[in-house]
Amino acid sequence: MKKFLIILLAFFIPVLCVLAGLEYMVRKAPNEYQYKAQWMEKNADRVETLILGTSHAFYGINPSYLGPNAFSLAASAQSLQYDEFLFFKYAPKCKNLKTVILPISYFTLFSRDMEDGSEWWRVINYKVYMDCPYHSSFSKYNFFISNSEPFRAKLTKIIKGNTIIECDSLGFGYPIYRKSTPTLDDASVATWVKHHTAKDFSYVEKNKQHILRIVDYCQANNIRLSFVTTPAYKRYYEQLDSAQLGVMYHFVEELVRKNNVFYFDHLRDCRFIPQDFTDCNHMSCDGAKKLSSILKSELLTSKVE
């Protein structure tokens, strides 16, 4: 038995060392989460406009066109739970913070916690690079290797020498692979609508509380909070569930009525053409430039009472 254990250890120790080395390689490779955390630690005190949210903001709101000292903490699939975490981690360090932009989309109030969804592995980034305390250091949320598919994808990019930093110097996301024409066919639209339509409303109240805590902080610290619904392609918004959309609009309207916050709704904004999208609900670089310029104007003309 002792001999068997020695042989077993002799086999597994090299394997574990290789896996640990690969984990270290992926963990240390530059990426947008690491970059944003380091940038905020160095520059938070000069941020005047802070952008939160999902890919709708990450790819749709470009800080470069909002004026000086804007920065984006938005990320793909970022839930309100992690918007709240990032906000309360960095807002107190932003001594000159004047405006917070929080996108609210068709799916926002209904989204499950990231841990409960298919992209749970994104949570690892908040644990590893942003010191999020939600999970133990011994949990799967502290090891990239715990989900093989994205781990292999990152490792492949590293080995090929490709960058895995998917944002610019101000945190704006740019897809590495840009198509010459947007993907707006009926099948793609239907897939996105289905993906964004909630099976139930069980997460609504929890998500509202994440938002309300941000609202309270902004009110107490004289920070202008602006909610934004980003543009979508016509065939997308025409197929959205009216009940789900109604819950979203009712909640935002109540926030605006009861609090000193703003709401800019661009879901059906006819100024945006097909070339402004990469798909039916995400902006192209040109679309993001257009939307961000419009938001800059709206922010300048809106006044805190």
Protein backbone atom coordinates (compact mmCIF):
# COMPACT_ATOMS: atom_id res chain seq x y z
CA MET A 1 0.00 0.00 0.00
CA LYS A 2 2.83 2.39 0.89
CA LYS A 3 4.55 1.70 -2.41
CA PHE A 4 1.31 2.35 -4.27
CA LEU A 5 0.88 5.73 -2.53
CA ILE A 6 4.46 6.69 -3.39
CA ILE A 7 3.84 5.85 -7.07
CA LEU A 8 0.55 7.76 -6.97
CA LEU A 9 2.24 10.84 -5.50
CA ALA A 10 5.08 10.57 -7.98
CA PHE A 11 2.48 10.76 -10.75
CA PHE A 12 0.21 13.48 -9.34
CA ILE A 13 2.80 15.92 -7.98
CA PRO A 14 4.22 16.76 -11.46
CA VAL A 15 0.68 17.06 -12.82
CA LEU A 16 -0.31 19.42 -10.00
CA CYS A 17 2.85 21.46 -10.57
CA VAL A 18 2.02 21.83 -14.27
CA LEU A 19 -1.57 22.84 -13.51
CA ALA A 20 -0.39 25.32 -10.88
CA GLY A 21 2.04 26.79 -13.39
CA LEU A 22 -0.69 27.19 -16.01
CA GLU A 23 -3.01 28.79 -13.44
CA TYR A 24 -0.25 31.23 -12.51
CA MET A 25 0.37 32.04 -16.17
CA VAL A 26 -3.30 32.85 -16.80
CA ARG A 27 -3.67 34.73 -13.53
CA LYS A 28 -0.67 36.98 -14.23
CA ALA A 29 -1.53 37.71 -17.88
CA PRO A 30 -2.69 41.33 -18.39
CA ASN A 31 -6.48 41.63 -18.71
CA GLU A 32 -9.16 44.31 -18.41
CA TYR A 33 -10.15 43.47 -14.81
CA GLN A 34 -6.58 43.68 -13.60
CA TYR A 35 -6.06 46.87 -15.59
CA LYS A 36 -9.18 48.55 -14.21
CA ALA A 37 -8.37 47.65 -10.62
CA GLN A 38 -4.84 49.01 -10.94
CA TRP A 39 -6.02 52.12 -12.77
CA MET A 40 -8.61 52.94 -10.12
CA GLU A 41 -6.14 52.48 -7.29
CA LYS A 42 -3.88 55.06 -8.91
CA ASN A 43 -6.41 57.47 -10.41
CA ALA A 44 -9.70 57.21 -8.51
CA ASP A 45 -9.29 60.64 -6.95
CA ARG A 46 -9.55 62.37 -10.33
CA VAL A 47 -12.57 60.45 -11.69
CA GLU A 48 -15.57 62.72 -12.24
CA THR A 49 -17.81 60.35 -14.23
CA LEU A 50 -17.98 56.64 -13.41
CA ILE A 51 -19.68 54.12 -15.69
CA LEU A 52 -21.03 50.81 -14.41
CA GLY A 53 -23.05 48.04 -16.07
CA THR A 54 -22.97 45.13 -18.47
CA SER A 55 -21.70 44.77 -22.03
CA HIS A 56 -24.32 47.34 -23.10
CA ALA A 57 -22.21 49.93 -21.30
CA PHE A 58 -18.84 48.24 -21.79
CA TYR A 59 -19.21 48.36 -25.59
CA GLY A 60 -21.78 51.16 -25.80
CA ILE A 61 -20.60 54.07 -23.64
CA ASN A 62 -17.16 55.42 -24.47
CA PRO A 63 -15.65 57.59 -21.72
CA SER A 64 -13.53 59.44 -24.28
CA TYR A 65 -16.64 61.23 -25.56
CA LEU A 66 -18.17 62.08 -22.19
CA GLY A 67 -15.67 64.77 -21.29
CA PRO A 68 -12.56 64.77 -19.09
CA ASN A 69 -12.00 62.33 -16.23
CA ALA A 70 -14.55 59.67 -17.16
CA PHE A 71 -13.81 55.98 -16.63
CA SER A 72 -15.71 52.74 -17.22
CA LEU A 73 -15.98 49.88 -14.75
CA ALA A 74 -18.55 48.13 -16.95
CA ALA A 75 -17.91 44.54 -18.06
CA SER A 76 -19.59 41.77 -20.00
CA ALA A 77 -22.34 40.00 -18.00
CA GLN A 78 -21.64 42.15 -14.92
CA SER A 79 -24.59 41.75 -12.57
CA LEU A 80 -26.00 44.44 -10.30
CA GLN A 81 -24.47 42.60 -7.36
CA TYR A 82 -21.01 43.33 -8.78
CA ASP A 83 -21.97 46.83 -9.91
CA GLU A 84 -22.76 47.50 -6.27
CA PHE A 85 -19.52 45.89 -5.11
CA LEU A 86 -17.41 47.97 -7.49
CA PHE A 87 -19.31 51.14 -6.69
CA PHE A 88 -18.83 50.89 -2.95
CA LYS A 89 -15.24 49.76 -3.33
CA TYR A 90 -14.21 52.73 -5.46
CA ALA A 91 -16.76 55.56 -5.02
CA PRO A 92 -15.38 56.60 -1.59
CA LYS A 93 -11.94 56.94 -3.23
CA CYS A 94 -13.35 59.13 -6.02
CA LYS A 95 -13.09 62.45 -4.19
CA ASN A 96 -14.19 64.41 -7.28
CA LEU A 97 -16.98 62.09 -8.39
CA LYS A 98 -19.87 64.08 -9.85
CA THR A 99 -21.76 61.63 -12.06
CA VAL A 100 -22.49 57.90 -12.05
CA ILE A 101 -23.96 56.25 -15.14
CA LEU A 102 -25.81 53.00 -14.51
CA PRO A 103 -27.35 51.33 -17.57
CA ILE A 104 -30.67 49.60 -17.06
CA SER A 105 -31.63 47.21 -19.82
CA TYR A 106 -34.58 44.95 -20.57
CA PHE A 107 -32.94 42.13 -18.60
CA THR A 108 -31.25 44.08 -15.79
CA LEU A 109 -33.82 43.69 -13.01
CA PHE A 110 -34.45 40.05 -13.88
CA SER A 111 -30.89 38.77 -14.20
CA ARG A 112 -29.77 35.96 -11.94
CA ASP A 113 -26.69 36.33 -9.79
CA MET A 114 -23.58 35.66 -11.85
CA GLU A 115 -22.85 32.60 -9.71
CA ASP A 116 -26.15 31.07 -10.79
CA GLY A 117 -25.66 31.57 -14.52
CA SER A 118 -23.68 29.93 -17.30
CA GLU A 119 -20.98 32.62 -17.08
CA TRP A 120 -20.29 32.08 -13.37
CA TRP A 121 -16.58 31.86 -14.13
CA ARG A 122 -16.47 35.64 -14.67
CA VAL A 123 -16.83 35.98 -10.88
CA ILE A 124 -13.23 34.76 -10.58
CA ASN A 125 -12.01 38.06 -12.01
CA TYR A 126 -13.58 40.06 -9.18
CA LYS A 127 -12.09 37.73 -6.57
CA VAL A 128 -8.59 37.58 -8.06
CA TYR A 129 -8.09 41.15 -9.29
CA MET A 130 -10.48 43.28 -7.24
CA ASP A 131 -10.34 41.56 -3.86
CA CYS A 132 -14.06 40.81 -3.80
CA PRO A 133 -14.81 39.12 -0.46
CA TYR A 134 -17.93 37.24 -1.52
CA HIS A 135 -16.21 33.86 -1.84
CA SER A 136 -13.53 31.87 -0.04
CA SER A 137 -9.99 31.73 -1.41
CA PHE A 138 -10.44 27.94 -1.49
CA SER A 139 -13.61 28.03 -3.59
CA LYS A 140 -13.86 27.53 -7.34
CA TYR A 141 -14.28 31.29 -7.64
CA ASN A 142 -10.58 31.81 -6.93
CA PHE A 143 -9.15 29.57 -9.65
CA PHE A 144 -9.42 30.13 -13.40
CA ILE A 145 -8.71 26.47 -14.01
CA SER A 146 -12.02 25.59 -12.33
CA ASN A 147 -13.79 26.20 -15.65
CA SER A 148 -11.91 24.51 -18.45
CA GLU A 149 -13.38 26.19 -21.55
CA PRO A 150 -12.59 29.88 -20.77
CA PHE A 151 -9.34 28.75 -19.14
CA ARG A 152 -8.23 27.05 -22.35
CA ALA A 153 -9.30 30.07 -24.40
CA LYS A 154 -7.19 32.44 -22.28
CA LEU A 155 -4.25 30.06 -22.28
CA THR A 156 -4.40 29.75 -26.07
CA LYS A 157 -4.33 33.53 -26.47
CA ILE A 158 -1.36 33.80 -24.12
CA ILE A 159 0.60 31.08 -25.92
CA LYS A 160 -0.12 32.70 -29.31
CA GLY A 161 0.97 36.06 -27.96
CA ASN A 162 -2.46 37.63 -28.39
CA THR A 163 -3.68 40.26 -25.97
CA ILE A 164 -6.49 39.44 -23.56
CA ILE A 165 -6.94 43.05 -22.49
CA GLU A 166 -10.26 43.90 -24.10
CA CYS A 167 -10.52 47.54 -23.09
CA ASP A 168 -8.82 50.81 -23.89
CA SER A 169 -7.06 53.13 -21.45
CA LEU A 170 -10.38 54.44 -20.07
CA GLY A 171 -12.03 51.04 -19.65
CA PHE A 172 -14.10 51.11 -22.87
CA GLY A 173 -14.51 47.68 -24.42
CA TYR A 174 -13.60 46.93 -27.98
CA PRO A 175 -14.30 43.49 -29.46
CA ILE A 176 -11.09 42.02 -30.84
CA TYR A 177 -12.91 40.58 -33.82
CA ARG A 178 -15.02 43.17 -35.66
CA LYS A 179 -17.30 42.12 -38.49
CA SER A 180 -17.67 44.39 -41.50
CA THR A 181 -21.46 44.15 -41.21
CA PRO A 182 -23.62 43.81 -38.10
CA THR A 183 -25.33 40.51 -37.26
CA LEU A 184 -28.99 41.49 -37.48
CA ASP A 185 -30.67 38.47 -39.07
CA ASP A 186 -33.96 37.19 -37.65
CA ALA A 187 -32.41 34.07 -36.09
CA SER A 188 -29.80 36.10 -34.23
CA VAL A 189 -32.39 38.59 -33.00
CA ALA A 190 -34.66 35.79 -31.78
CA THR A 191 -31.76 34.17 -29.92
CA TRP A 192 -30.90 37.41 -28.13
CA VAL A 193 -34.52 38.13 -27.20
CA LYS A 194 -34.92 34.64 -25.77
CA HIS A 195 -31.65 34.99 -23.85
CA HIS A 196 -32.74 38.29 -22.31
CA THR A 197 -36.34 37.34 -21.50
CA ALA A 198 -36.73 36.16 -17.90
CA LYS A 199 -38.19 32.78 -17.06
CA ASP A 200 -39.46 34.23 -13.80
CA PHE A 201 -39.25 37.43 -11.79
CA SER A 202 -37.64 35.87 -8.70
CA TYR A 203 -34.54 38.12 -8.75
CA VAL A 204 -36.35 41.43 -9.24
CA GLU A 205 -36.57 42.53 -5.61
CA LYS A 206 -32.97 41.57 -4.89
CA ASN A 207 -31.76 43.51 -7.92
CA LYS A 208 -33.83 46.53 -6.94
CA GLN A 209 -32.08 46.59 -3.57
CA HIS A 210 -28.65 46.69 -5.25
CA ILE A 211 -29.77 49.76 -7.18
CA LEU A 212 -31.43 51.46 -4.22
CA ARG A 213 -28.27 51.26 -2.14
CA ILE A 214 -26.37 53.01 -4.92
CA VAL A 215 -29.16 55.60 -5.15
CA ASP A 216 -28.97 56.28 -1.40
CA TYR A 217 -25.20 56.78 -1.48
CA CYS A 218 -25.40 59.14 -4.44
CA GLN A 219 -28.15 61.15 -2.78
CA ALA A 220 -26.21 61.42 0.47
CA ASN A 221 -23.02 62.52 -1.32
CA ASN A 222 -24.51 64.88 -3.90
CA ILE A 223 -23.56 62.66 -6.84
CA ARG A 224 -25.72 62.78 -9.95
CA LEU A 225 -26.97 59.29 -10.80
CA SER A 226 -28.12 58.78 -14.37
CA PHE A 227 -29.82 55.62 -15.63
CA VAL A 228 -29.44 54.83 -19.32
CA THR A 229 -31.17 52.34 -21.58
CA THR A 230 -28.91 51.85 -24.58
CA PRO A 231 -30.24 51.66 -28.16
CA ALA A 232 -31.32 48.44 -29.80
CA TYR A 233 -32.16 47.34 -33.31
CA LYS A 234 -35.85 47.69 -34.19
CA ARG A 235 -36.55 43.98 -34.63
CA TYR A 236 -35.08 43.36 -31.18
CA TYR A 237 -37.17 45.82 -29.20
CA GLU A 238 -40.32 44.96 -31.15
CA GLN A 239 -40.14 41.39 -29.81
CA LEU A 240 -39.54 42.19 -26.15
CA ASP A 241 -42.01 40.92 -23.57
CA SER A 242 -44.31 43.81 -22.64
CA ALA A 243 -44.78 42.65 -19.03
CA GLN A 244 -41.03 42.45 -18.39
CA LEU A 245 -40.45 45.79 -20.09
CA GLY A 246 -43.29 47.29 -18.06
CA VAL A 247 -41.68 46.25 -14.77
CA MET A 248 -38.43 47.89 -15.85
CA TYR A 249 -40.08 51.16 -16.86
CA HIS A 250 -42.29 51.31 -13.78
CA PHE A 251 -39.30 50.89 -11.47
CA VAL A 252 -37.20 53.54 -13.22
CA GLU A 253 -40.10 55.99 -13.35
CA GLU A 254 -40.60 55.51 -9.60
CA LEU A 255 -36.90 56.16 -8.99
CA VAL A 256 -37.03 59.37 -11.01
CA ARG A 257 -40.22 60.51 -9.29
CA LYS A 258 -39.06 59.81 -5.72
CA ASN A 259 -35.36 60.59 -6.02
CA ASN A 260 -33.17 63.19 -7.62
CA VAL A 261 -31.97 60.88 -10.40
CA PHE A 262 -32.17 61.00 -14.19
CA TYR A 263 -33.19 58.56 -16.88
CA PHE A 264 -32.19 58.65 -20.54
CA ASP A 265 -34.10 56.10 -22.60
CA HIS A 266 -32.56 55.32 -25.99
CA LEU A 267 -34.01 51.85 -26.53
CA ARG A 268 -36.06 52.96 -29.55
CA ASP A 269 -33.90 55.90 -30.56
CA CYS A 270 -34.38 56.25 -34.33
CA ARG A 271 -31.10 58.16 -34.74
CA PHE A 272 -29.24 54.86 -34.66
CA ILE A 273 -28.86 52.95 -37.91
CA PRO A 274 -27.84 49.30 -38.52
CA GLN A 275 -24.17 50.27 -38.89
CA ASP A 276 -24.25 51.57 -35.31
CA PHE A 277 -24.62 47.99 -34.02
CA THR A 278 -22.47 44.86 -33.97
CA ASP A 279 -25.59 42.83 -33.24
CA CYS A 280 -29.18 43.69 -32.36
CA ASN A 281 -28.37 45.03 -28.86
CA HIS A 282 -24.67 45.96 -28.78
CA MET A 283 -23.13 49.10 -30.23
CA SER A 284 -20.33 49.27 -32.76
CA CYS A 285 -17.48 51.71 -32.16
CA ASP A 286 -19.28 54.28 -34.29
CA GLY A 287 -22.53 53.64 -32.44
CA ALA A 288 -20.80 54.01 -29.07
CA LYS A 289 -19.28 57.31 -30.21
CA LYS A 290 -22.72 58.56 -31.25
CA LEU A 291 -24.45 57.39 -28.07
CA SER A 292 -21.71 58.78 -25.81
CA SER A 293 -21.84 62.16 -27.51
CA ILE A 294 -25.62 62.25 -27.05
CA LEU A 295 -25.26 61.30 -23.39
CA LYS A 296 -22.69 64.04 -22.87
CA SER A 297 -25.20 66.58 -24.16
CA GLU A 298 -27.99 65.12 -22.00
CA LEU A 299 -25.81 65.16 -18.90
CA LEU A 300 -24.82 68.77 -19.52
CA THR A 301 -28.41 69.92 -19.94
CA SER A 302 -29.86 67.95 -17.00
CA LYS A 303 -29.72 69.72 -13.68
CA VAL A 304 -29.74 68.47 -10.12
CA GLU A 305 -32.61 70.12 -8.23
